[in-house]
Amino acid sequence: MLDEVKAHFRAREGYWFVPKWFGFGATPVTWQGWALTAGLLAALVAAARLLPGGVPRIIVCIALIAAYGVVAANKTDGGLRWRWGNGEDR
């Protein structure tokens, strides 16, 4: 079982994320994926603290999350889609 888990968290060359076993989503597994995730969090905190409240803050946060989602979807080994947890979906 441990070998199966370790194998799941290895992405092929050029991919930064692996899909979750069950459900929709991805997990960063390379330094690039973790850097992108940390960069998103830092940008969201900066936007929340530095931008004036209301609509500008919301628009910037939505744009940041959308950009992250596009990059994560393109860099996920196997793509983003619903998975049932049987391990054959990758």
N, C-alpha and C. Protein backbone atom coordinates (compact mmCIF):
# COMPACT_ATOMS: atom_id res chain seq x y z
N MET A 1 0.82 -1.20 0.00
CA MET A 1 0.00 0.00 0.00
C MET A 1 0.87 1.26 0.00
N LEU A 2 1.95 1.26 0.79
CA LEU A 2 2.81 2.44 0.85
C LEU A 2 3.47 2.71 -0.50
N ASP A 3 3.86 1.67 -1.20
CA ASP A 3 4.46 1.86 -2.53
C ASP A 3 3.45 2.46 -3.50
N GLU A 4 2.20 2.07 -3.37
CA GLU A 4 1.14 2.62 -4.22
C GLU A 4 0.95 4.11 -3.95
N VAL A 5 1.00 4.50 -2.70
CA VAL A 5 0.87 5.91 -2.33
C VAL A 5 2.06 6.71 -2.86
N LYS A 6 3.26 6.18 -2.67
CA LYS A 6 4.46 6.86 -3.16
C LYS A 6 4.41 7.02 -4.68
N ALA A 7 3.96 5.99 -5.37
CA ALA A 7 3.88 6.05 -6.83
C ALA A 7 2.85 7.09 -7.27
N HIS A 8 1.78 7.22 -6.52
CA HIS A 8 0.74 8.19 -6.88
C HIS A 8 1.27 9.62 -6.82
N PHE A 9 2.15 9.90 -5.88
CA PHE A 9 2.64 11.26 -5.70
C PHE A 9 3.90 11.54 -6.50
N ARG A 10 4.10 10.81 -7.58
CA ARG A 10 5.17 11.09 -8.53
C ARG A 10 4.52 11.50 -9.85
N ALA A 11 4.89 12.67 -10.31
CA ALA A 11 4.35 13.15 -11.59
C ALA A 11 5.36 12.85 -12.69
N ARG A 12 4.83 12.64 -13.88
CA ARG A 12 5.71 12.45 -15.03
C ARG A 12 6.45 13.75 -15.33
N GLU A 13 7.47 13.65 -16.12
CA GLU A 13 8.29 14.80 -16.50
C GLU A 13 7.42 15.91 -17.08
N GLY A 14 7.62 17.12 -16.60
CA GLY A 14 6.90 18.27 -17.12
C GLY A 14 5.61 18.60 -16.38
N TYR A 15 5.20 17.75 -15.45
CA TYR A 15 3.98 18.01 -14.68
C TYR A 15 4.35 18.42 -13.26
N TRP A 16 3.56 19.33 -12.70
CA TRP A 16 3.83 19.85 -11.36
C TRP A 16 2.84 19.35 -10.32
N PHE A 17 1.71 18.82 -10.76
CA PHE A 17 0.65 18.39 -9.86
C PHE A 17 0.23 16.97 -10.21
N VAL A 18 -0.31 16.26 -9.22
CA VAL A 18 -0.96 14.97 -9.48
C VAL A 18 -2.42 15.12 -9.06
N PRO A 19 -3.31 14.40 -9.74
CA PRO A 19 -4.73 14.51 -9.38
C PRO A 19 -5.02 13.82 -8.04
N LYS A 20 -6.06 14.29 -7.39
CA LYS A 20 -6.49 13.62 -6.16
C LYS A 20 -7.04 12.25 -6.51
N TRP A 21 -6.98 11.33 -5.55
CA TRP A 21 -7.50 9.99 -5.79
C TRP A 21 -9.01 9.98 -5.92
N PHE A 22 -9.66 10.78 -5.12
CA PHE A 22 -11.12 10.80 -5.14
C PHE A 22 -11.59 12.25 -5.22
N GLY A 23 -12.49 12.51 -6.14
CA GLY A 23 -13.04 13.85 -6.27
C GLY A 23 -12.33 14.65 -7.35
N PHE A 24 -12.45 15.96 -7.23
CA PHE A 24 -11.90 16.89 -8.22
C PHE A 24 -10.82 17.72 -7.55
N GLY A 25 -9.65 17.78 -8.14
CA GLY A 25 -8.59 18.60 -7.59
C GLY A 25 -7.23 18.00 -7.86
N ALA A 26 -6.20 18.72 -7.43
CA ALA A 26 -4.83 18.30 -7.65
C ALA A 26 -3.97 18.70 -6.46
N THR A 27 -2.85 18.01 -6.32
CA THR A 27 -1.90 18.26 -5.24
C THR A 27 -0.55 18.59 -5.84
N PRO A 28 0.10 19.67 -5.41
CA PRO A 28 1.44 19.95 -5.92
C PRO A 28 2.44 18.91 -5.44
N VAL A 29 3.32 18.46 -6.35
CA VAL A 29 4.31 17.45 -5.98
C VAL A 29 5.73 17.83 -6.38
N THR A 30 5.90 18.93 -7.07
CA THR A 30 7.24 19.39 -7.43
C THR A 30 7.45 20.77 -6.82
N TRP A 31 8.70 21.22 -6.84
CA TRP A 31 8.96 22.54 -6.26
C TRP A 31 8.23 23.62 -7.05
N GLN A 32 8.05 23.41 -8.37
CA GLN A 32 7.35 24.41 -9.17
C GLN A 32 5.87 24.51 -8.75
N GLY A 33 5.26 23.37 -8.50
CA GLY A 33 3.87 23.37 -8.06
C GLY A 33 3.70 24.02 -6.70
N TRP A 34 4.62 23.71 -5.79
CA TRP A 34 4.56 24.33 -4.47
C TRP A 34 4.85 25.83 -4.55
N ALA A 35 5.79 26.23 -5.41
CA ALA A 35 6.09 27.66 -5.58
C ALA A 35 4.89 28.40 -6.15
N LEU A 36 4.21 27.79 -7.12
CA LEU A 36 3.02 28.41 -7.69
C LEU A 36 1.93 28.56 -6.63
N THR A 37 1.75 27.54 -5.81
CA THR A 37 0.73 27.59 -4.76
C THR A 37 1.08 28.65 -3.71
N ALA A 38 2.34 28.69 -3.30
CA ALA A 38 2.77 29.70 -2.33
C ALA A 38 2.64 31.11 -2.92
N GLY A 39 2.97 31.24 -4.20
CA GLY A 39 2.83 32.53 -4.87
C GLY A 39 1.38 32.99 -4.92
N LEU A 40 0.47 32.05 -5.17
CA LEU A 40 -0.95 32.40 -5.16
C LEU A 40 -1.37 32.89 -3.78
N LEU A 41 -0.98 32.17 -2.75
CA LEU A 41 -1.36 32.58 -1.40
C LEU A 41 -0.78 33.95 -1.05
N ALA A 42 0.47 34.19 -1.41
CA ALA A 42 1.09 35.49 -1.14
C ALA A 42 0.38 36.60 -1.91
N ALA A 43 0.03 36.34 -3.16
CA ALA A 43 -0.66 37.35 -3.97
C ALA A 43 -2.06 37.63 -3.42
N LEU A 44 -2.75 36.59 -2.94
CA LEU A 44 -4.08 36.80 -2.37
C LEU A 44 -4.01 37.62 -1.08
N VAL A 45 -3.02 37.33 -0.25
CA VAL A 45 -2.86 38.10 0.99
C VAL A 45 -2.51 39.55 0.66
N ALA A 46 -1.60 39.75 -0.30
CA ALA A 46 -1.23 41.11 -0.69
C ALA A 46 -2.42 41.87 -1.26
N ALA A 47 -3.21 41.20 -2.09
CA ALA A 47 -4.38 41.85 -2.67
C ALA A 47 -5.39 42.21 -1.59
N ALA A 48 -5.57 41.33 -0.63
CA ALA A 48 -6.53 41.59 0.44
C ALA A 48 -6.09 42.74 1.34
N ARG A 49 -4.79 42.90 1.51
CA ARG A 49 -4.30 43.94 2.41
C ARG A 49 -4.05 45.27 1.71
N LEU A 50 -3.68 45.25 0.43
CA LEU A 50 -3.24 46.47 -0.23
C LEU A 50 -4.31 47.13 -1.10
N LEU A 51 -5.22 46.36 -1.63
CA LEU A 51 -6.23 46.94 -2.52
C LEU A 51 -7.39 47.51 -1.72
N PRO A 52 -8.02 48.54 -2.27
CA PRO A 52 -9.20 49.07 -1.58
C PRO A 52 -10.30 48.01 -1.55
N GLY A 53 -11.12 48.05 -0.54
CA GLY A 53 -12.16 47.04 -0.37
C GLY A 53 -13.18 47.05 -1.48
N GLY A 54 -13.98 46.02 -1.49
CA GLY A 54 -15.07 45.95 -2.44
C GLY A 54 -14.70 45.30 -3.76
N VAL A 55 -15.23 45.86 -4.81
CA VAL A 55 -15.16 45.26 -6.14
C VAL A 55 -13.73 45.08 -6.66
N PRO A 56 -12.83 46.06 -6.55
CA PRO A 56 -11.47 45.84 -7.08
C PRO A 56 -10.77 44.64 -6.42
N ARG A 57 -10.92 44.50 -5.14
CA ARG A 57 -10.30 43.39 -4.42
C ARG A 57 -10.87 42.06 -4.90
N ILE A 58 -12.16 41.99 -5.06
CA ILE A 58 -12.81 40.75 -5.50
C ILE A 58 -12.38 40.39 -6.92
N ILE A 59 -12.33 41.37 -7.80
CA ILE A 59 -11.95 41.11 -9.20
C ILE A 59 -10.52 40.59 -9.28
N VAL A 60 -9.61 41.21 -8.54
CA VAL A 60 -8.21 40.77 -8.56
C VAL A 60 -8.08 39.36 -7.99
N CYS A 61 -8.77 39.08 -6.90
CA CYS A 61 -8.69 37.74 -6.30
C CYS A 61 -9.26 36.67 -7.23
N ILE A 62 -10.36 36.97 -7.88
CA ILE A 62 -10.94 36.01 -8.83
C ILE A 62 -9.99 35.78 -10.00
N ALA A 63 -9.36 36.84 -10.50
CA ALA A 63 -8.41 36.71 -11.61
C ALA A 63 -7.20 35.87 -11.20
N LEU A 64 -6.69 36.09 -9.99
CA LEU A 64 -5.55 35.30 -9.51
C LEU A 64 -5.90 33.82 -9.39
N ILE A 65 -7.06 33.53 -8.82
CA ILE A 65 -7.48 32.14 -8.65
C ILE A 65 -7.73 31.48 -10.01
N ALA A 66 -8.31 32.22 -10.94
CA ALA A 66 -8.56 31.67 -12.28
C ALA A 66 -7.24 31.36 -12.99
N ALA A 67 -6.27 32.26 -12.89
CA ALA A 67 -4.97 32.03 -13.53
C ALA A 67 -4.28 30.81 -12.91
N TYR A 68 -4.35 30.70 -11.60
CA TYR A 68 -3.79 29.53 -10.92
C TYR A 68 -4.47 28.25 -11.41
N GLY A 69 -5.78 28.29 -11.53
CA GLY A 69 -6.53 27.12 -11.98
C GLY A 69 -6.16 26.68 -13.38
N VAL A 70 -5.94 27.64 -14.26
CA VAL A 70 -5.55 27.31 -15.64
C VAL A 70 -4.18 26.65 -15.66
N VAL A 71 -3.22 27.23 -14.94
CA VAL A 71 -1.88 26.65 -14.91
C VAL A 71 -1.91 25.27 -14.26
N ALA A 72 -2.61 25.16 -13.14
CA ALA A 72 -2.69 23.86 -12.45
C ALA A 72 -3.35 22.81 -13.33
N ALA A 73 -4.38 23.17 -14.04
CA ALA A 73 -5.05 22.20 -14.92
C ALA A 73 -4.11 21.73 -16.03
N ASN A 74 -3.33 22.65 -16.58
CA ASN A 74 -2.41 22.28 -17.65
C ASN A 74 -1.20 21.51 -17.16
N LYS A 75 -0.85 21.66 -15.89
CA LYS A 75 0.33 21.00 -15.34
C LYS A 75 -0.02 19.82 -14.43
N THR A 76 -1.27 19.34 -14.49
CA THR A 76 -1.67 18.17 -13.71
C THR A 76 -1.52 16.92 -14.55
N ASP A 77 -0.78 15.96 -14.04
CA ASP A 77 -0.54 14.70 -14.73
C ASP A 77 -1.85 13.92 -14.81
N GLY A 78 -2.46 13.89 -15.98
CA GLY A 78 -3.73 13.21 -16.16
C GLY A 78 -4.90 14.17 -16.27
N GLY A 79 -4.65 15.46 -16.09
CA GLY A 79 -5.71 16.46 -16.21
C GLY A 79 -6.62 16.52 -15.01
N LEU A 80 -7.44 17.54 -14.98
CA LEU A 80 -8.41 17.71 -13.90
C LEU A 80 -9.76 17.18 -14.33
N ARG A 81 -10.27 16.26 -13.57
CA ARG A 81 -11.61 15.72 -13.77
C ARG A 81 -11.98 14.94 -12.52
N TRP A 82 -13.23 14.56 -12.42
CA TRP A 82 -13.68 13.80 -11.27
C TRP A 82 -13.06 12.41 -11.29
N ARG A 83 -12.60 11.95 -10.14
CA ARG A 83 -12.02 10.61 -10.02
C ARG A 83 -12.74 9.86 -8.90
N TRP A 84 -12.83 8.54 -9.07
CA TRP A 84 -13.58 7.71 -8.14
C TRP A 84 -12.70 6.98 -7.14
N GLY A 85 -11.40 7.17 -7.17
CA GLY A 85 -10.53 6.59 -6.15
C GLY A 85 -10.09 5.17 -6.40
N ASN A 86 -10.29 4.66 -7.60
CA ASN A 86 -9.89 3.28 -7.86
C ASN A 86 -8.47 3.16 -8.39
N GLY A 87 -7.78 4.27 -8.59
CA GLY A 87 -6.39 4.25 -9.03
C GLY A 87 -6.21 4.01 -10.51
N GLU A 88 -7.26 3.71 -11.23
CA GLU A 88 -7.16 3.44 -12.66
C GLU A 88 -7.47 4.68 -13.49
N ASP A 89 -7.75 5.78 -12.83
CA ASP A 89 -8.19 6.99 -13.53
C ASP A 89 -7.05 7.82 -14.08
N ARG A 90 -5.85 7.56 -13.71
CA ARG A 90 -4.74 8.41 -14.09
C ARG A 90 -4.34 8.09 -15.48
